[in-house]
Amino acid sequence: MGNDVFIGKVLDRASAAIDPAEAIAAVSDPGFGGIDVFIGKVRDLNQGRAVRGITYDLFEPLVLNEFQRLAAEVEAAFGPRVKLYVAHARGRLAVGEVAVVVAAGSPHRDEAFRACRQLIEAVKHRCPIWKQEHYEDGDSQWSEGCALCHGEGDAAHGHDHAD
């Protein structure tokens, strides 16, 4: 997979914020009629607990290699006429800050939607990214991947894990 097809980044929150406009520019092409962008932000409530922030930790070389592998899988599914972008934050983020951006561009909207969805789900489930939620009551908890998957089952949080 060439660099003109995929861009993967890890950004230290202390020095830079993820810019969704950069993702859109990266997957744009004059022949593309569809661009889909997923923006994941830190929310103020998770599983009934008030959240004040999240700390993300990861080993950058390993995560970037996995981003590349996942993007190659998406390209194999949707063909070489798809461009992909993924960026994930590392460090402490407050409620409302952007934690992850995934974008896909393609000639048609359906491909863009499906490629973006496949890539964000793979990032959430397969990348070695750990998050520590910091709660309003002063407690904190570490988790990896899709934390909701370890509770009530797939239907409880709106996606399946067949892929």
N, C-alpha and C. Protein backbone atom coordinates (compact mmCIF):
# COMPACT_ATOMS: atom_id res chain seq x y z
N MET A 1 0.86 -1.17 0.00
CA MET A 1 0.00 0.00 0.00
C MET A 1 0.90 1.23 0.00
N GLY A 2 0.71 2.11 -0.97
CA GLY A 2 1.57 3.28 -1.10
C GLY A 2 1.17 4.43 -0.21
N ASN A 3 2.12 5.34 0.01
CA ASN A 3 1.86 6.50 0.86
C ASN A 3 0.80 7.43 0.28
N ASP A 4 0.54 7.34 -1.03
CA ASP A 4 -0.50 8.17 -1.62
C ASP A 4 -1.89 7.61 -1.35
N VAL A 5 -1.98 6.42 -0.77
CA VAL A 5 -3.25 5.77 -0.50
C VAL A 5 -3.60 5.81 0.98
N PHE A 6 -2.59 5.85 1.86
CA PHE A 6 -2.85 5.76 3.29
C PHE A 6 -1.92 6.66 4.08
N ILE A 7 -2.49 7.33 5.08
CA ILE A 7 -1.72 8.10 6.04
C ILE A 7 -2.16 7.66 7.43
N GLY A 8 -1.20 7.30 8.27
CA GLY A 8 -1.46 6.95 9.65
C GLY A 8 -0.60 7.80 10.57
N LYS A 9 -1.18 8.27 11.68
CA LYS A 9 -0.45 9.16 12.59
C LYS A 9 -0.83 8.87 14.03
N VAL A 10 0.13 9.15 14.91
CA VAL A 10 -0.11 9.22 16.34
C VAL A 10 0.32 10.61 16.75
N LEU A 11 -0.55 11.33 17.46
CA LEU A 11 -0.23 12.70 17.87
C LEU A 11 -0.22 12.79 19.39
N ASP A 12 0.87 13.32 19.92
CA ASP A 12 0.96 13.57 21.35
C ASP A 12 0.10 14.78 21.67
N ARG A 13 -0.85 14.58 22.54
CA ARG A 13 -1.80 15.64 22.88
C ARG A 13 -1.11 16.87 23.46
N ALA A 14 0.02 16.68 24.11
CA ALA A 14 0.73 17.82 24.70
C ALA A 14 1.27 18.77 23.64
N SER A 15 1.50 18.27 22.43
CA SER A 15 2.10 19.12 21.40
C SER A 15 1.20 19.41 20.20
N ALA A 16 0.16 18.61 19.98
CA ALA A 16 -0.69 18.83 18.80
C ALA A 16 -2.06 18.19 19.00
N ALA A 17 -3.04 18.78 18.36
CA ALA A 17 -4.39 18.22 18.35
C ALA A 17 -4.65 17.62 16.97
N ILE A 18 -5.51 16.63 16.92
CA ILE A 18 -5.89 16.02 15.64
C ILE A 18 -6.78 16.99 14.89
N ASP A 19 -6.50 17.17 13.61
CA ASP A 19 -7.24 18.12 12.78
C ASP A 19 -8.06 17.36 11.73
N PRO A 20 -9.38 17.30 11.88
CA PRO A 20 -10.20 16.61 10.88
C PRO A 20 -10.05 17.18 9.47
N ALA A 21 -9.74 18.46 9.33
CA ALA A 21 -9.54 19.05 8.00
C ALA A 21 -8.35 18.41 7.30
N GLU A 22 -7.32 18.04 8.06
CA GLU A 22 -6.17 17.36 7.48
C GLU A 22 -6.58 15.99 6.94
N ALA A 23 -7.46 15.30 7.65
CA ALA A 23 -7.93 14.00 7.20
C ALA A 23 -8.70 14.13 5.88
N ILE A 24 -9.56 15.12 5.80
CA ILE A 24 -10.34 15.34 4.58
C ILE A 24 -9.42 15.64 3.41
N ALA A 25 -8.44 16.51 3.63
CA ALA A 25 -7.48 16.83 2.56
C ALA A 25 -6.69 15.60 2.12
N ALA A 26 -6.34 14.75 3.07
CA ALA A 26 -5.54 13.57 2.77
C ALA A 26 -6.27 12.55 1.91
N VAL A 27 -7.59 12.46 2.05
CA VAL A 27 -8.34 11.45 1.29
C VAL A 27 -9.08 12.05 0.09
N SER A 28 -8.86 13.31 -0.17
CA SER A 28 -9.52 13.96 -1.30
C SER A 28 -8.81 13.62 -2.61
N ASP A 29 -9.58 13.61 -3.68
CA ASP A 29 -9.08 13.31 -5.01
C ASP A 29 -10.10 13.86 -6.00
N PRO A 30 -9.66 14.44 -7.12
CA PRO A 30 -10.62 14.98 -8.08
C PRO A 30 -11.61 13.93 -8.62
N GLY A 31 -11.24 12.67 -8.57
CA GLY A 31 -12.12 11.61 -9.06
C GLY A 31 -13.03 11.02 -7.99
N PHE A 32 -12.97 11.56 -6.80
CA PHE A 32 -13.76 11.01 -5.70
C PHE A 32 -15.03 11.82 -5.49
N GLY A 33 -16.15 11.11 -5.44
CA GLY A 33 -17.42 11.74 -5.13
C GLY A 33 -17.85 11.52 -3.69
N GLY A 34 -17.10 10.66 -2.97
CA GLY A 34 -17.48 10.36 -1.59
C GLY A 34 -16.30 10.45 -0.64
N ILE A 35 -16.52 11.17 0.44
CA ILE A 35 -15.56 11.22 1.55
C ILE A 35 -16.37 11.03 2.83
N ASP A 36 -15.93 10.10 3.65
CA ASP A 36 -16.60 9.86 4.94
C ASP A 36 -15.56 10.04 6.03
N VAL A 37 -15.96 10.72 7.10
CA VAL A 37 -15.06 10.99 8.22
C VAL A 37 -15.72 10.57 9.51
N PHE A 38 -14.98 9.82 10.32
CA PHE A 38 -15.42 9.51 11.68
C PHE A 38 -14.54 10.30 12.64
N ILE A 39 -15.17 11.02 13.55
CA ILE A 39 -14.45 11.78 14.57
C ILE A 39 -14.88 11.23 15.92
N GLY A 40 -13.95 10.68 16.67
CA GLY A 40 -14.22 10.17 18.00
C GLY A 40 -13.75 11.17 19.04
N LYS A 41 -14.66 11.59 19.91
CA LYS A 41 -14.36 12.57 20.94
C LYS A 41 -14.56 11.96 22.33
N VAL A 42 -13.91 12.55 23.32
CA VAL A 42 -14.08 12.12 24.70
C VAL A 42 -15.44 12.60 25.18
N ARG A 43 -16.25 11.66 25.66
CA ARG A 43 -17.58 12.02 26.14
C ARG A 43 -17.58 12.15 27.67
N ASP A 44 -18.61 12.78 28.18
CA ASP A 44 -18.67 13.07 29.62
C ASP A 44 -19.32 11.98 30.46
N LEU A 45 -19.82 10.92 29.82
CA LEU A 45 -20.48 9.85 30.55
C LEU A 45 -20.19 8.54 29.85
N ASN A 46 -19.76 7.54 30.60
CA ASN A 46 -19.53 6.21 30.03
C ASN A 46 -20.00 5.16 31.03
N GLN A 47 -20.89 4.30 30.57
CA GLN A 47 -21.43 3.21 31.38
C GLN A 47 -21.91 3.72 32.75
N GLY A 48 -22.61 4.85 32.71
CA GLY A 48 -23.21 5.40 33.91
C GLY A 48 -22.28 6.19 34.82
N ARG A 49 -21.04 6.37 34.40
CA ARG A 49 -20.08 7.09 35.23
C ARG A 49 -19.72 8.42 34.57
N ALA A 50 -19.67 9.49 35.38
CA ALA A 50 -19.28 10.81 34.90
C ALA A 50 -17.77 10.83 34.65
N VAL A 51 -17.40 11.17 33.41
CA VAL A 51 -16.00 11.17 32.98
C VAL A 51 -15.50 12.60 32.91
N ARG A 52 -14.27 12.82 33.39
CA ARG A 52 -13.67 14.16 33.28
C ARG A 52 -12.55 14.19 32.25
N GLY A 53 -12.07 13.03 31.80
CA GLY A 53 -11.03 12.97 30.79
C GLY A 53 -10.55 11.55 30.57
N ILE A 54 -9.68 11.39 29.58
CA ILE A 54 -9.11 10.09 29.24
C ILE A 54 -7.63 10.29 28.94
N THR A 55 -6.82 9.33 29.39
CA THR A 55 -5.42 9.26 29.00
C THR A 55 -5.25 8.06 28.08
N TYR A 56 -4.70 8.30 26.89
CA TYR A 56 -4.42 7.21 25.95
C TYR A 56 -2.93 6.91 25.98
N ASP A 57 -2.61 5.61 25.97
CA ASP A 57 -1.22 5.19 25.93
C ASP A 57 -1.08 4.15 24.82
N LEU A 58 0.08 4.17 24.17
CA LEU A 58 0.33 3.24 23.07
C LEU A 58 1.81 3.24 22.76
N PHE A 59 2.25 2.21 22.06
CA PHE A 59 3.62 2.13 21.56
C PHE A 59 3.55 2.48 20.08
N GLU A 60 4.01 3.68 19.74
CA GLU A 60 3.79 4.25 18.41
C GLU A 60 4.22 3.35 17.25
N PRO A 61 5.43 2.78 17.22
CA PRO A 61 5.80 1.95 16.06
C PRO A 61 4.84 0.77 15.85
N LEU A 62 4.44 0.14 16.92
CA LEU A 62 3.51 -0.99 16.82
C LEU A 62 2.15 -0.54 16.31
N VAL A 63 1.64 0.56 16.83
CA VAL A 63 0.34 1.07 16.41
C VAL A 63 0.37 1.50 14.94
N LEU A 64 1.42 2.19 14.53
CA LEU A 64 1.51 2.61 13.13
C LEU A 64 1.59 1.42 12.19
N ASN A 65 2.30 0.37 12.59
CA ASN A 65 2.34 -0.85 11.77
C ASN A 65 0.95 -1.48 11.67
N GLU A 66 0.22 -1.48 12.77
CA GLU A 66 -1.13 -2.05 12.75
C GLU A 66 -2.07 -1.19 11.90
N PHE A 67 -1.95 0.14 12.01
CA PHE A 67 -2.74 1.02 11.14
C PHE A 67 -2.50 0.66 9.67
N GLN A 68 -1.24 0.46 9.31
CA GLN A 68 -0.87 0.12 7.93
C GLN A 68 -1.49 -1.22 7.53
N ARG A 69 -1.42 -2.21 8.40
CA ARG A 69 -1.98 -3.53 8.11
C ARG A 69 -3.51 -3.45 7.92
N LEU A 70 -4.17 -2.71 8.81
CA LEU A 70 -5.62 -2.56 8.71
C LEU A 70 -6.02 -1.83 7.44
N ALA A 71 -5.27 -0.80 7.10
CA ALA A 71 -5.56 -0.06 5.86
C ALA A 71 -5.38 -0.96 4.64
N ALA A 72 -4.40 -1.83 4.66
CA ALA A 72 -4.20 -2.77 3.55
C ALA A 72 -5.40 -3.71 3.42
N GLU A 73 -5.96 -4.11 4.55
CA GLU A 73 -7.16 -4.97 4.51
C GLU A 73 -8.35 -4.21 3.91
N VAL A 74 -8.49 -2.96 4.27
CA VAL A 74 -9.59 -2.16 3.72
C VAL A 74 -9.38 -1.96 2.22
N GLU A 75 -8.15 -1.67 1.82
CA GLU A 75 -7.87 -1.51 0.40
C GLU A 75 -8.16 -2.80 -0.36
N ALA A 76 -7.82 -3.94 0.22
CA ALA A 76 -8.10 -5.22 -0.43
C ALA A 76 -9.60 -5.43 -0.60
N ALA A 77 -10.39 -4.95 0.35
CA ALA A 77 -11.84 -5.11 0.29
C ALA A 77 -12.50 -4.14 -0.69
N PHE A 78 -11.94 -2.93 -0.82
CA PHE A 78 -12.60 -1.89 -1.61
C PHE A 78 -11.83 -1.47 -2.85
N GLY A 79 -10.64 -1.99 -3.06
CA GLY A 79 -9.89 -1.70 -4.26
C GLY A 79 -8.94 -0.52 -4.09
N PRO A 80 -8.08 -0.37 -5.07
CA PRO A 80 -7.03 0.65 -4.99
C PRO A 80 -7.54 2.09 -5.15
N ARG A 81 -8.81 2.26 -5.47
CA ARG A 81 -9.34 3.62 -5.65
C ARG A 81 -9.92 4.17 -4.34
N VAL A 82 -9.40 3.72 -3.21
CA VAL A 82 -9.81 4.26 -1.93
C VAL A 82 -8.57 4.85 -1.25
N LYS A 83 -8.74 6.02 -0.66
CA LYS A 83 -7.68 6.63 0.14
C LYS A 83 -8.14 6.63 1.60
N LEU A 84 -7.18 6.37 2.50
CA LEU A 84 -7.52 6.21 3.91
C LEU A 84 -6.61 7.06 4.80
N TYR A 85 -7.16 7.45 5.93
CA TYR A 85 -6.43 8.25 6.91
C TYR A 85 -6.88 7.83 8.29
N VAL A 86 -5.94 7.68 9.21
CA VAL A 86 -6.27 7.44 10.61
C VAL A 86 -5.25 8.15 11.48
N ALA A 87 -5.74 8.85 12.48
CA ALA A 87 -4.89 9.51 13.47
C ALA A 87 -5.48 9.26 14.85
N HIS A 88 -4.62 8.96 15.80
CA HIS A 88 -5.07 8.72 17.17
C HIS A 88 -4.22 9.53 18.13
N ALA A 89 -4.86 10.05 19.14
CA ALA A 89 -4.16 10.85 20.15
C ALA A 89 -3.48 9.95 21.17
N ARG A 90 -2.40 10.47 21.74
CA ARG A 90 -1.72 9.85 22.87
C ARG A 90 -1.60 10.92 23.95
N GLY A 91 -1.87 10.54 25.19
CA GLY A 91 -1.77 11.49 26.28
C GLY A 91 -3.13 11.80 26.87
N ARG A 92 -3.19 12.86 27.66
CA ARG A 92 -4.40 13.21 28.42
C ARG A 92 -5.30 14.13 27.59
N LEU A 93 -6.56 13.75 27.47
CA LEU A 93 -7.56 14.55 26.76
C LEU A 93 -8.71 14.86 27.69
N ALA A 94 -9.26 16.04 27.54
CA ALA A 94 -10.42 16.46 28.33
C ALA A 94 -11.70 16.10 27.57
N VAL A 95 -12.82 16.13 28.27
CA VAL A 95 -14.12 15.92 27.65
C VAL A 95 -14.26 16.89 26.47
N GLY A 96 -14.71 16.36 25.34
CA GLY A 96 -14.92 17.17 24.15
C GLY A 96 -13.76 17.19 23.18
N GLU A 97 -12.58 16.76 23.61
CA GLU A 97 -11.43 16.77 22.71
C GLU A 97 -11.46 15.56 21.78
N VAL A 98 -10.85 15.71 20.60
CA VAL A 98 -10.82 14.67 19.58
C VAL A 98 -9.75 13.64 19.93
N ALA A 99 -10.17 12.37 20.00
CA ALA A 99 -9.27 11.27 20.31
C ALA A 99 -8.81 10.53 19.06
N VAL A 100 -9.69 10.41 18.07
CA VAL A 100 -9.37 9.65 16.87
C VAL A 100 -10.14 10.23 15.68
N VAL A 101 -9.48 10.22 14.52
CA VAL A 101 -10.13 10.59 13.27
C VAL A 101 -9.77 9.53 12.23
N VAL A 102 -10.79 9.01 11.58
CA VAL A 102 -10.61 8.07 10.48
C VAL A 102 -11.38 8.64 9.28
N ALA A 103 -10.75 8.62 8.12
CA ALA A 103 -11.41 9.12 6.91
C ALA A 103 -11.16 8.17 5.75
N ALA A 104 -12.12 8.14 4.85
CA ALA A 104 -12.00 7.34 3.64
C ALA A 104 -12.56 8.14 2.48
N GLY A 105 -11.84 8.15 1.38
CA GLY A 105 -12.31 8.78 0.15
C GLY A 105 -12.35 7.75 -0.95
N SER A 106 -13.37 7.85 -1.81
CA SER A 106 -13.51 6.90 -2.92
C SER A 106 -14.38 7.53 -4.00
N PRO A 107 -14.45 6.89 -5.15
CA PRO A 107 -15.29 7.45 -6.21
C PRO A 107 -16.77 7.55 -5.84
N HIS A 108 -17.25 6.67 -4.96
CA HIS A 108 -18.67 6.63 -4.62
C HIS A 108 -18.88 6.65 -3.11
N ARG A 109 -20.00 7.22 -2.66
CA ARG A 109 -20.26 7.38 -1.23
C ARG A 109 -20.37 6.06 -0.48
N ASP A 110 -20.99 5.05 -1.09
CA ASP A 110 -21.16 3.78 -0.38
C ASP A 110 -19.81 3.18 -0.01
N GLU A 111 -18.86 3.20 -0.95
CA GLU A 111 -17.53 2.69 -0.66
C GLU A 111 -16.87 3.50 0.47
N ALA A 112 -17.02 4.82 0.42
CA ALA A 112 -16.42 5.67 1.45
C ALA A 112 -17.01 5.35 2.82
N PHE A 113 -18.34 5.25 2.91
CA PHE A 113 -18.98 4.92 4.18
C PHE A 113 -18.48 3.58 4.72
N ARG A 114 -18.53 2.57 3.87
CA ARG A 114 -18.18 1.23 4.32
C ARG A 114 -16.70 1.10 4.66
N ALA A 115 -15.82 1.72 3.87
CA ALA A 115 -14.39 1.67 4.14
C ALA A 115 -14.06 2.37 5.45
N CYS A 116 -14.67 3.52 5.69
CA CYS A 116 -14.45 4.26 6.93
C CYS A 116 -14.92 3.44 8.13
N ARG A 117 -16.08 2.85 8.02
CA ARG A 117 -16.62 2.03 9.11
C ARG A 117 -15.73 0.82 9.40
N GLN A 118 -15.30 0.14 8.34
CA GLN A 118 -14.44 -1.03 8.53
C GLN A 118 -13.14 -0.63 9.21
N LEU A 119 -12.57 0.50 8.82
CA LEU A 119 -11.30 0.93 9.38
C LEU A 119 -11.44 1.35 10.85
N ILE A 120 -12.44 2.13 11.21
CA ILE A 120 -12.57 2.54 12.61
C ILE A 120 -12.87 1.34 13.50
N GLU A 121 -13.70 0.42 13.05
CA GLU A 121 -14.00 -0.77 13.87
C GLU A 121 -12.73 -1.59 14.08
N ALA A 122 -11.92 -1.74 13.04
CA ALA A 122 -10.67 -2.50 13.18
C ALA A 122 -9.70 -1.79 14.12
N VAL A 123 -9.61 -0.48 14.03
CA VAL A 123 -8.74 0.28 14.93
C VAL A 123 -9.19 0.05 16.37
N LYS A 124 -10.48 0.18 16.64
CA LYS A 124 -11.00 0.04 18.01
C LYS A 124 -10.80 -1.37 18.56
N HIS A 125 -10.89 -2.38 17.71
CA HIS A 125 -10.85 -3.76 18.20
C HIS A 125 -9.47 -4.40 18.13
N ARG A 126 -8.60 -3.91 17.27
CA ARG A 126 -7.35 -4.64 17.03
C ARG A 126 -6.07 -3.87 17.34
N CYS A 127 -6.14 -2.58 17.54
CA CYS A 127 -4.93 -1.81 17.81
C CYS A 127 -4.60 -1.82 19.30
N PRO A 128 -3.33 -1.96 19.63
CA PRO A 128 -2.92 -1.95 21.03
C PRO A 128 -2.87 -0.53 21.58
N ILE A 129 -4.05 -0.01 21.84
CA ILE A 129 -4.20 1.34 22.40
C ILE A 129 -4.97 1.19 23.70
N TRP A 130 -4.39 1.70 24.77
CA TRP A 130 -5.02 1.58 26.08
C TRP A 130 -5.54 2.94 26.50
N LYS A 131 -6.68 2.93 27.16
CA LYS A 131 -7.21 4.19 27.67
C LYS A 131 -7.50 4.07 29.15
N GLN A 132 -7.20 5.16 29.83
CA GLN A 132 -7.50 5.27 31.25
C GLN A 132 -8.53 6.37 31.40
N GLU A 133 -9.76 5.95 31.74
CA GLU A 133 -10.81 6.94 31.98
C GLU A 133 -10.65 7.51 33.38
N HIS A 134 -10.76 8.83 33.46
CA HIS A 134 -10.67 9.53 34.74
C HIS A 134 -12.07 10.02 35.07
N TYR A 135 -12.58 9.61 36.23
CA TYR A 135 -13.96 9.90 36.59
C TYR A 135 -14.05 11.09 37.54
N GLU A 136 -15.23 11.68 37.57
CA GLU A 136 -15.49 12.84 38.42
C GLU A 136 -15.30 12.53 39.90
N ASP A 137 -15.50 11.26 40.28
CA ASP A 137 -15.36 10.90 41.70
C ASP A 137 -13.90 10.68 42.12
N GLY A 138 -12.94 10.90 41.18
CA GLY A 138 -11.52 10.76 41.48
C GLY A 138 -10.95 9.40 41.13
N ASP A 139 -11.79 8.43 40.85
CA ASP A 139 -11.36 7.09 40.47
C ASP A 139 -10.92 7.10 39.00
N SER A 140 -10.22 6.05 38.57
CA SER A 140 -9.87 5.88 37.17
C SER A 140 -9.84 4.40 36.86
N GLN A 141 -9.93 4.07 35.56
CA GLN A 141 -9.95 2.68 35.14
C GLN A 141 -9.29 2.57 33.77
N TRP A 142 -8.40 1.56 33.61
CA TRP A 142 -7.75 1.28 32.33
C TRP A 142 -8.58 0.27 31.54
N SER A 143 -8.58 0.43 30.22
CA SER A 143 -9.19 -0.57 29.34
C SER A 143 -8.45 -0.57 28.02
N GLU A 144 -8.69 -1.60 27.21
CA GLU A 144 -8.07 -1.73 25.90
C GLU A 144 -9.16 -2.01 24.89
N GLY A 145 -9.04 -1.43 23.71
CA GLY A 145 -9.98 -1.71 22.64
C GLY A 145 -11.37 -1.20 22.94
N CYS A 146 -12.35 -1.93 22.47
CA CYS A 146 -13.74 -1.55 22.65
C CYS A 146 -14.19 -2.00 24.03
N ALA A 147 -14.08 -1.12 25.00
CA ALA A 147 -14.38 -1.47 26.39
C ALA A 147 -15.80 -1.97 26.57
N LEU A 148 -16.71 -1.50 25.75
CA LEU A 148 -18.10 -1.93 25.88
C LEU A 148 -18.29 -3.40 25.52
N CYS A 149 -17.35 -3.95 24.79
CA CYS A 149 -17.45 -5.34 24.36
C CYS A 149 -17.31 -6.32 25.51
N HIS A 150 -16.82 -5.85 26.62
CA HIS A 150 -16.57 -6.74 27.74
C HIS A 150 -17.71 -6.76 28.75
N GLY A 151 -18.82 -6.16 28.35
CA GLY A 151 -19.95 -6.08 29.28
C GLY A 151 -21.13 -6.88 28.81
N GLU A 152 -22.14 -6.18 28.34
CA GLU A 152 -23.44 -6.77 28.11
C GLU A 152 -23.60 -7.44 26.76
N GLY A 153 -22.60 -7.44 25.91
CA GLY A 153 -22.72 -8.09 24.62
C GLY A 153 -22.84 -7.08 23.49
N ASP A 154 -22.70 -7.58 22.27
CA ASP A 154 -22.64 -6.74 21.09
C ASP A 154 -23.86 -5.86 20.89
N ALA A 155 -25.04 -6.40 21.10
CA ALA A 155 -26.25 -5.62 20.84
C ALA A 155 -26.35 -4.41 21.76
N ALA A 156 -25.72 -4.47 22.90
CA ALA A 156 -25.82 -3.38 23.88
C ALA A 156 -25.14 -2.11 23.40
N HIS A 157 -24.20 -2.22 22.49
CA HIS A 157 -23.50 -1.01 22.06
C HIS A 157 -23.49 -0.80 20.56
N GLY A 158 -24.30 -1.52 19.83
CA GLY A 158 -24.61 -1.16 18.46
C GLY A 158 -23.66 -1.63 17.38
N HIS A 159 -22.82 -2.58 17.63
CA HIS A 159 -22.04 -3.15 16.53
C HIS A 159 -21.72 -4.61 16.85
N ASP A 160 -21.36 -5.35 15.79
CA ASP A 160 -21.03 -6.74 16.01
C ASP A 160 -19.53 -6.95 15.82
N HIS A 161 -19.05 -8.10 16.18
CA HIS A 161 -17.63 -8.40 16.14
C HIS A 161 -17.34 -9.56 15.22
N ALA A 162 -18.14 -9.73 14.21
CA ALA A 162 -17.95 -10.83 13.27
C ALA A 162 -16.72 -10.60 12.38
N ASP A 163 -16.36 -9.33 12.20
CA ASP A 163 -15.23 -9.02 11.31
C ASP A 163 -13.90 -9.20 12.00
